[in-house]
Protein backbone atom coordinates (compact mmCIF):
# COMPACT_ATOMS: atom_id res chain seq x y z
CA UNK A 1 -55.99 80.25 21.88
CA UNK A 2 -54.91 76.81 20.69
CA UNK A 3 -55.31 73.17 21.81
CA UNK A 4 -51.99 72.62 20.21
CA UNK A 5 -52.90 71.34 16.85
CA UNK A 6 -50.98 71.86 13.42
CA UNK A 7 -52.03 75.55 13.27
CA UNK A 8 -50.66 76.72 16.63
CA UNK A 9 -50.88 80.56 17.16
CA UNK A 10 -47.81 82.54 17.66
CA UNK A 11 -46.17 81.29 20.78
CA UNK A 12 -43.13 83.63 20.78
CA UNK A 13 -42.57 84.63 24.27
CA UNK A 14 -44.61 82.01 25.76
CA UNK A 15 -41.93 80.34 27.68
CA UNK A 16 -43.78 79.13 30.74
CA UNK A 17 -45.44 75.76 30.85
CA UNK A 18 -47.61 74.40 33.49
CA UNK A 19 -48.01 70.71 33.40
CA UNK A 20 -50.52 69.10 35.41
CA UNK A 21 -51.30 65.39 35.53
CA UNK A 22 -54.95 64.38 35.05
CA UNK A 23 -56.62 62.86 38.05
CA UNK A 24 -53.13 61.66 39.16
CA UNK A 25 -53.76 59.18 41.89
CA UNK A 26 -56.81 57.65 40.08
CA UNK A 27 -54.96 57.55 36.86
CA UNK A 28 -51.96 55.64 38.40
CA UNK A 29 -54.44 53.17 40.05
CA UNK A 30 -56.00 52.46 36.71
CA UNK A 31 -52.79 52.13 35.05
CA UNK A 32 -52.11 49.33 37.56
CA UNK A 33 -55.68 47.84 37.11
CA UNK A 34 -56.80 48.43 33.58
CA UNK A 35 -60.17 46.81 34.23
CA UNK A 36 -61.08 50.05 36.02
CA UNK A 37 -60.78 52.29 32.85
CA UNK A 38 -63.88 54.13 32.02
CA UNK A 39 -65.35 53.62 35.48
CA UNK A 40 -66.15 56.22 38.34
CA UNK A 41 -63.07 55.56 40.40
CA UNK A 42 -62.38 57.43 43.72
CA UNK A 43 -58.99 57.33 45.62
CA UNK A 44 -59.23 58.29 49.27
CA UNK A 45 -59.76 56.93 52.87
CA UNK A 46 -62.26 54.00 52.77
CA UNK A 47 -63.56 54.90 56.28
CA UNK A 48 -66.54 57.01 57.05
CA UNK A 49 -64.42 60.07 57.70
CA UNK A 50 -61.97 59.71 54.89
CA UNK A 51 -61.65 62.30 52.16
CA UNK A 52 -61.39 62.06 48.50
CA UNK A 53 -57.82 62.36 47.13
CA UNK A 54 -58.65 61.93 43.58
CA UNK A 55 -61.33 60.93 41.25
CA UNK A 56 -61.82 60.17 37.55
CA UNK A 57 -63.73 62.31 35.20
CA UNK A 58 -66.40 59.82 35.25
CA UNK A 59 -66.89 60.30 38.99
CA UNK A 60 -66.31 64.05 38.70
CA UNK A 61 -69.28 64.28 36.38
CA UNK A 62 -71.53 63.38 39.32
CA UNK A 63 -69.99 66.30 41.39
CA UNK A 64 -67.09 64.44 43.01
CA UNK A 65 -64.29 66.73 44.03
CA UNK A 66 -60.91 66.38 45.72
CA UNK A 67 -61.27 67.08 49.52
CA UNK A 68 -64.77 66.04 49.74
CA UNK A 69 -65.77 63.77 52.48
CA UNK A 70 -66.11 60.14 51.39
CA UNK A 71 -69.48 59.90 52.69
CA UNK A 72 -70.66 62.73 50.39
CA UNK A 73 -68.96 61.21 47.44
CA UNK A 74 -70.56 57.96 48.06
CA UNK A 75 -74.11 59.71 48.12
CA UNK A 76 -73.25 61.69 44.88
CA UNK A 77 -71.81 58.58 43.08
CA UNK A 78 -73.31 55.43 44.62
CA UNK A 79 -71.74 53.18 41.91
CA UNK A 80 -68.12 54.55 42.38
CA UNK A 81 -65.30 52.32 43.10
CA UNK A 82 -63.40 53.26 45.99
CA UNK A 83 -59.55 52.62 46.09
CA UNK A 84 -57.06 53.22 49.17
CA UNK A 85 -54.12 55.32 48.24
CA UNK A 86 -50.82 53.88 47.13
CA UNK A 87 -48.74 56.78 48.46
CA UNK A 88 -45.33 55.20 47.62
CA UNK A 89 -46.31 54.19 43.99
CA UNK A 90 -47.62 57.96 43.55
CA UNK A 91 -44.29 59.17 44.68
CA UNK A 92 -42.36 56.78 42.52
CA UNK A 93 -44.31 57.73 39.54
CA UNK A 94 -44.09 61.66 40.28
CA UNK A 95 -40.29 61.13 40.55
CA UNK A 96 -40.21 59.59 36.97
CA UNK A 97 -42.47 62.36 35.54
CA UNK A 98 -40.20 65.10 37.19
CA UNK A 99 -37.30 63.23 35.56
CA UNK A 100 -39.04 63.69 32.22
CA UNK A 101 -39.43 67.26 32.81
CA UNK A 102 -35.64 67.61 33.66
CA UNK A 103 -34.71 66.20 30.32
CA UNK A 104 -36.41 69.18 28.73
CA UNK A 105 -34.93 72.00 31.17
CA UNK A 106 -33.32 72.36 34.56
CA UNK A 107 -35.84 75.09 35.17
CA UNK A 108 -38.46 73.03 36.81
CA UNK A 109 -40.48 74.11 39.73
CA UNK A 110 -42.63 71.24 41.12
CA UNK A 111 -45.76 72.49 42.94
CA UNK A 112 -46.89 69.02 44.07
CA UNK A 113 -46.44 65.35 43.12
CA UNK A 114 -48.64 65.93 39.93
CA UNK A 115 -47.74 69.47 38.68
CA UNK A 116 -44.93 71.82 37.93
CA UNK A 117 -44.00 74.90 36.13
CA UNK A 118 -41.23 74.82 33.51
CA UNK A 119 -39.45 77.66 32.03
CA UNK A 120 -38.33 76.42 28.50
CA UNK A 121 -36.60 79.57 27.19
CA UNK A 122 -33.25 77.47 27.14
CA UNK A 123 -34.68 74.55 25.32
CA UNK A 124 -36.15 76.26 22.19
CA UNK A 125 -33.06 75.73 20.09
CA UNK A 126 -32.80 72.08 20.83
CA UNK A 127 -36.59 71.17 20.97
CA UNK A 128 -38.41 73.77 19.11
CA UNK A 129 -41.09 76.23 19.96
CA UNK A 130 -42.94 76.11 23.27
CA UNK A 131 -45.99 74.37 21.84
CA UNK A 132 -43.83 71.75 20.26
CA UNK A 133 -42.20 71.28 23.51
CA UNK A 134 -45.41 70.81 25.28
CA UNK A 135 -46.47 68.20 22.83
CA UNK A 136 -43.22 66.42 23.35
CA UNK A 137 -43.72 66.29 27.31
CA UNK A 138 -47.20 65.07 26.93
CA UNK A 139 -46.12 62.15 24.45
CA UNK A 140 -43.29 61.27 26.80
CA UNK A 141 -45.45 61.12 29.94
CA UNK A 142 -48.09 59.04 28.17
CA UNK A 143 -45.43 56.68 26.60
CA UNK A 144 -43.24 56.23 29.64
CA UNK A 145 -45.87 56.21 32.38
CA UNK A 146 -49.06 55.45 30.66
CA UNK A 147 -50.96 58.47 32.31
CA UNK A 148 -51.96 61.67 30.58
CA UNK A 149 -51.26 65.46 31.56
CA UNK A 150 -52.57 68.75 30.33
CA UNK A 151 -50.34 71.69 29.53
CA UNK A 152 -50.79 75.29 29.52
CA UNK A 153 -48.35 77.42 27.58
CA UNK A 154 -48.29 81.14 28.22
CA UNK A 155 -46.02 84.24 28.89
CA UNK A 156 -46.56 83.95 32.76
CA UNK A 157 -46.96 81.49 35.40
CA UNK A 158 -50.44 82.71 36.32
CA UNK A 159 -51.83 82.42 32.88
CA UNK A 160 -50.20 79.10 32.17
CA UNK A 161 -51.74 77.45 35.12
CA UNK A 162 -55.12 78.73 34.37
CA UNK A 163 -54.59 77.36 30.73
CA UNK A 164 -53.72 73.91 31.92
CA UNK A 165 -56.98 73.77 33.95
CA UNK A 166 -59.05 74.97 30.96
CA UNK A 167 -57.88 72.29 28.73
CA UNK A 168 -58.37 69.34 31.02
CA UNK A 169 -58.45 66.31 30.46
CA UNK A 170 -55.40 65.38 28.16
CA UNK A 171 -55.35 68.65 26.67
CA UNK A 172 -52.79 71.52 25.44
CA UNK A 173 -53.68 75.31 25.40
CA UNK A 174 -51.52 78.02 24.14
CA UNK A 175 -52.30 81.55 25.15
CA UNK A 176 -50.49 83.87 22.99
CA UNK A 177 -49.00 86.93 24.36
CA UNK A 178 -51.32 88.98 22.19
CA UNK A 179 -54.26 87.15 23.41
CA UNK A 180 -53.72 87.14 27.26
CA UNK A 181 -56.18 89.78 28.00
CA UNK A 182 -58.92 88.50 25.86
CA UNK A 183 -58.19 84.99 27.46
CA UNK A 184 -58.32 86.31 31.15
CA UNK A 185 -61.24 88.86 30.92
CA UNK A 186 -63.82 86.39 30.02
CA UNK A 187 -63.17 84.44 33.22
CA UNK A 188 -64.89 84.86 36.53
CA UNK A 189 -63.14 86.38 39.26
CA UNK A 190 -62.76 83.14 41.11
CA UNK A 191 -60.09 82.15 38.59
CA UNK A 192 -57.68 84.75 39.96
CA UNK A 193 -55.03 83.61 42.60
CA UNK A 194 -56.15 84.93 45.92
CA UNK A 195 -59.91 85.08 45.34
CA UNK A 196 -61.45 82.68 47.88
CA UNK A 197 -65.08 82.86 49.17
CA UNK A 198 -64.55 86.05 51.30
CA UNK A 199 -62.62 88.10 48.69
CA UNK A 200 -65.15 86.97 45.94
CA UNK A 201 -68.13 88.20 48.33
CA UNK A 202 -66.36 91.46 48.62
CA UNK A 203 -65.92 91.72 44.79
CA UNK A 204 -69.61 90.76 44.42
CA UNK A 205 -70.51 93.63 46.54
CA UNK A 206 -68.69 96.07 44.25
CA UNK A 207 -70.50 94.41 41.36
CA UNK A 208 -67.31 92.66 40.04
CA UNK A 209 -67.94 89.22 38.67
CA UNK A 210 -65.44 88.87 35.82
CA UNK A 211 -61.82 89.47 35.43
CA UNK A 212 -62.76 92.08 32.90
CA UNK A 213 -64.62 93.95 35.69
CA UNK A 214 -61.76 94.08 37.87
CA UNK A 215 -59.41 95.28 35.13
CA UNK A 216 -61.79 98.11 34.43
CA UNK A 217 -62.18 99.20 38.20
CA UNK A 218 -59.95 102.00 39.55
CA UNK A 219 -57.06 100.64 41.52
CA UNK A 220 -58.03 103.01 44.42
CA UNK A 221 -61.35 101.42 44.72
CA UNK A 222 -60.01 97.98 44.70
CA UNK A 223 -57.49 98.86 47.39
CA UNK A 224 -60.21 100.72 49.51
CA UNK A 225 -62.45 97.57 49.56
CA UNK A 226 -59.72 94.90 49.78
CA UNK A 227 -56.59 96.55 51.45
CA UNK A 228 -53.67 98.02 49.50
CA UNK A 229 -51.80 94.73 48.90
CA UNK A 230 -54.78 92.50 47.73
CA UNK A 231 -56.21 95.25 45.73
CA UNK A 232 -52.87 95.91 43.82
CA UNK A 233 -52.43 92.04 43.50
CA UNK A 234 -55.75 91.52 41.77
CA UNK A 235 -55.41 94.45 39.64
CA UNK A 236 -52.16 93.30 38.33
CA UNK A 237 -53.34 89.71 37.50
CA UNK A 238 -56.42 91.16 35.79
CA UNK A 239 -54.10 93.05 33.74
CA UNK A 240 -52.18 89.97 32.72
CA UNK A 241 -48.98 91.10 34.83
CA UNK A 242 -47.03 88.19 36.83
CA UNK A 243 -43.35 88.94 37.50
CA UNK A 244 -42.71 85.81 39.14
CA UNK A 245 -40.07 83.61 37.58
CA UNK A 246 -39.87 79.74 37.66
CA UNK A 247 -37.92 79.00 40.84
CA UNK A 248 -36.36 75.35 40.57
CA UNK A 249 -35.59 73.19 43.52
CA UNK A 250 -37.75 75.17 46.11
CA UNK A 251 -36.61 73.70 49.40
CA UNK A 252 -39.23 71.93 51.46
CA UNK A 253 -40.55 74.23 54.42
CA UNK A 254 -42.01 71.35 56.48
CA UNK A 255 -42.84 67.73 56.33
CA UNK A 256 -45.52 65.71 58.22
CA UNK A 257 -48.36 63.31 58.20
CA UNK A 258 -51.79 63.16 59.96
CA UNK A 259 -54.51 60.59 60.61
CA UNK A 260 -58.20 60.78 60.86
CA UNK A 261 -59.61 58.22 63.20
CA UNK A 262 -62.67 55.92 61.99
CA UNK A 263 -64.01 56.72 65.34
CA UNK A 264 -63.24 59.30 68.00
CA UNK A 265 -60.42 58.09 70.17
CA UNK A 266 -60.03 59.01 74.01
CA UNK A 267 -57.54 56.43 75.08
CA UNK A 268 -54.22 58.28 75.55
CA UNK A 269 -52.09 55.03 74.80
CA UNK A 270 -53.77 54.53 71.49
CA UNK A 271 -53.20 58.11 70.70
CA UNK A 272 -49.42 57.79 71.66
CA UNK A 273 -49.34 54.62 69.22
CA UNK A 274 -50.61 56.95 66.45
CA UNK A 275 -48.09 59.59 67.38
CA UNK A 276 -45.44 56.70 67.08
CA UNK A 277 -46.60 55.85 63.56
CA UNK A 278 -46.83 59.38 62.46
CA UNK A 279 -43.30 60.16 63.84
CA UNK A 280 -41.92 57.24 61.97
CA UNK A 281 -43.46 58.27 58.82
CA UNK A 282 -42.45 61.76 59.11
CA UNK A 283 -38.77 60.85 60.04
CA UNK A 284 -38.74 58.31 57.07
CA UNK A 285 -39.81 61.45 54.72
CA UNK A 286 -36.95 63.54 56.33
CA UNK A 287 -34.36 61.01 55.61
CA UNK A 288 -35.65 60.27 52.12
CA UNK A 289 -35.37 63.99 51.18
CA UNK A 290 -31.88 64.31 53.11
CA UNK A 291 -33.08 66.53 55.82
CA UNK A 292 -33.12 67.06 59.42
CA UNK A 293 -35.57 69.22 61.29
CA UNK A 294 -35.22 71.74 64.32
CA UNK A 295 -39.05 72.10 65.38
CA UNK A 296 -41.61 69.51 66.01
CA UNK A 297 -45.46 70.05 66.08
CA UNK A 298 -48.49 68.28 66.84
CA UNK A 299 -52.04 68.77 65.44
CA UNK A 300 -54.92 67.62 67.76
CA UNK A 301 -58.53 67.90 66.57
CA UNK A 302 -61.33 67.17 69.02
CA UNK A 303 -64.49 65.51 68.09
CA UNK A 304 -65.98 68.96 68.21
CA UNK A 305 -63.55 69.89 65.30
CA UNK A 306 -61.74 72.35 67.67
CA UNK A 307 -58.14 72.13 66.70
CA UNK A 308 -54.94 72.67 68.86
CA UNK A 309 -51.52 72.80 67.62
CA UNK A 310 -48.26 72.93 69.82
CA UNK A 311 -44.60 73.27 68.70
CA UNK A 312 -41.25 72.84 70.18
CA UNK A 313 -37.86 73.72 68.90
CA UNK A 314 -35.11 71.24 69.66
CA UNK A 315 -31.65 71.84 70.72
CA UNK A 316 -30.27 70.35 67.46
CA UNK A 317 -31.71 69.01 64.10
CA UNK A 318 -32.84 65.46 64.05
CA UNK A 319 -34.33 63.05 61.39
CA UNK A 320 -34.63 60.21 64.09
CA UNK A 321 -38.22 59.11 64.55
CA UNK A 322 -37.43 58.26 68.50
CA UNK A 323 -36.58 61.84 69.16
CA UNK A 324 -39.58 63.30 67.05
CA UNK A 325 -41.97 60.79 68.88
CA UNK A 326 -40.78 61.81 72.36
CA UNK A 327 -41.18 65.48 71.58
CA UNK A 328 -44.56 64.83 69.94
CA UNK A 329 -45.76 62.93 73.10
CA UNK A 330 -44.45 65.68 75.36
CA UNK A 331 -46.47 68.33 73.19
CA UNK A 332 -49.70 66.03 73.38
CA UNK A 333 -49.32 65.58 77.35
CA UNK A 334 -48.84 69.39 77.70
CA UNK A 335 -51.74 70.54 75.31
CA UNK A 336 -54.08 71.06 78.12
CA UNK A 337 -56.85 68.76 76.74
CA UNK A 338 -59.63 67.74 79.32
CA UNK A 339 -59.10 64.40 80.81
CA UNK A 340 -60.71 61.90 78.39
CA UNK A 341 -61.05 64.46 75.67
CA UNK A 342 -61.88 62.43 72.37
CA UNK A 343 -59.83 63.18 69.25
CA UNK A 344 -60.89 62.66 65.68
CA UNK A 345 -57.40 63.51 64.22
CA UNK A 346 -53.82 63.60 65.21
CA UNK A 347 -50.90 64.86 63.30
CA UNK A 348 -47.18 65.27 63.42
CA UNK A 349 -45.13 67.83 61.48
CA UNK A 350 -41.60 69.05 61.45
CA UNK A 351 -40.18 72.34 60.20
CA UNK A 352 -36.87 74.32 60.20
CA UNK A 353 -35.46 71.92 57.81
CA UNK A 354 -31.65 71.62 57.06
CA UNK A 355 -29.55 69.60 55.02
CA UNK A 356 -28.86 66.34 57.12
CA UNK A 357 -25.25 66.04 55.93
CA UNK A 358 -24.53 69.41 57.53
CA UNK A 359 -26.77 68.87 60.76
CA UNK A 360 -24.73 68.41 64.01
CA UNK A 361 -26.35 65.34 65.45
CA UNK A 362 -25.97 65.06 69.37
CA UNK A 363 -25.95 61.59 70.71
CA UNK A 364 -28.28 60.84 73.54
CA UNK A 365 -26.94 59.25 76.81
CA UNK A 366 -28.73 56.04 76.10
CA UNK A 367 -27.60 55.65 72.60
CA UNK A 368 -25.92 52.16 72.04
CA UNK A 369 -22.87 51.60 69.74
CA UNK A 370 -25.04 51.43 66.71
CA UNK A 371 -27.21 54.58 67.23
CA UNK A 372 -30.80 55.06 66.66
CA UNK A 373 -30.14 57.03 63.24
CA UNK A 374 -28.27 54.09 61.95
CA UNK A 375 -30.89 51.72 62.89
CA UNK A 376 -33.61 53.57 61.26
CA UNK A 377 -31.68 53.93 58.16
CA UNK A 378 -31.34 50.17 58.07
CA UNK A 379 -34.92 49.88 58.48
CA UNK A 380 -35.56 52.39 55.58
CA UNK A 381 -33.48 49.91 53.46
CA UNK A 382 -35.51 46.74 54.68
CA UNK A 383 -38.99 48.47 53.96
CA UNK A 384 -37.92 49.95 50.61
CA UNK A 385 -37.37 46.16 49.46
CA UNK A 386 -40.12 44.35 51.40
CA UNK A 387 -42.66 47.03 52.15
CA UNK A 388 -43.65 49.13 55.20
CA UNK A 389 -45.05 46.33 57.28
CA UNK A 390 -41.87 44.21 57.03
CA UNK A 391 -40.20 45.94 60.25
CA UNK A 392 -42.21 48.24 62.47
CA UNK A 393 -42.14 49.02 66.39
CA UNK A 394 -43.64 46.42 68.59
CA UNK A 395 -46.29 48.70 69.70
CA UNK A 396 -47.69 48.97 66.18
CA UNK A 397 -47.89 45.21 65.46
CA UNK A 398 -51.22 44.53 66.79
CA UNK A 399 -53.57 47.45 66.29
CA UNK A 400 -57.23 47.80 66.65
CA UNK A 401 -59.15 49.91 64.33
CA UNK A 402 -56.68 51.04 61.94
CA UNK A 403 -57.40 55.04 61.31
CA UNK A 404 -58.04 56.21 57.88
CA UNK A 405 -55.00 57.85 56.11
CA UNK A 406 -54.43 61.44 55.25
CA UNK A 407 -51.65 64.21 54.98
CA UNK A 408 -51.37 67.97 56.04
């Protein structure tokens, strides 16, 4: 193993890098507000039902973690500074970071805004061995974006991802091919992909607590306890086998947004206003990505946490908020909720994505000479220059009790 110093181990064949930004949202906020450096900063919904999206390592020292309810985070870290998310800023920084990766290799597989796999086998002659490329990436991200990242270098995606997590924050860890098993076998079973709470309990019943325990267990025993597919999967990972290749430009499967209300809402008109907002955000994301969608879904979570989802496939693909909203409202009205049912969360999501350029748009009977699609694209241009509040539907101009933001 190595943290990437002058005495790197043999990284021959370690062509896979996993690059992960350190506390990405929080780091971007601190870059914008340097006076927050060194303080326990938490990015997330500021309402009582918001969740933590990101936290600095100063806040994590108190036990704060991503996806934790804000209320619990406040109790764990009373002196934390809470910052509302700046989603467009994060997307812009992510785009710049991914562009840095693209200067190294076209073989980039983004996993989220803040992490990606890279296959650097084609860049060795130009940029040097994998560890040197990892140092180059870290320096470029820090120099151009003012934030840090951690990089795992390994022969496989699975090991590279674990390595980047083990060297956080602001680290570099090389796992040589000959050292993979030694690196893996000391880890707890929870380090393996696919080991959640239930699988962990099943492994514990077998007395398996480390990756080495799994590696030394007969395959038949794992398959009997976990099923053939899961048992085979964990056995392969414990042996250091991961045949997956870096897959660049993986197409989006779905796009959507959701909101958690500060207080439960039972007014259908207010719920429909929220569906209008979410439909607009979703349509904007579709157009920004160059997609149109065939299927619209709504997510409705009651005060009791019971969640209902409804979907409808359209006759033709769309990237128009008006059409997505009309479908979302119809799905909400047909969901079979009791009269006056209070909701704590609503969401809109679209799937069945196709390239917008090739989608056959069908004009509706009430379209004007300048259609809704053209009008919404004009709004995109205005909001990109003047902000999201510059132009919006009249129904959203005056809104009581703005909900906390989220995404699903």
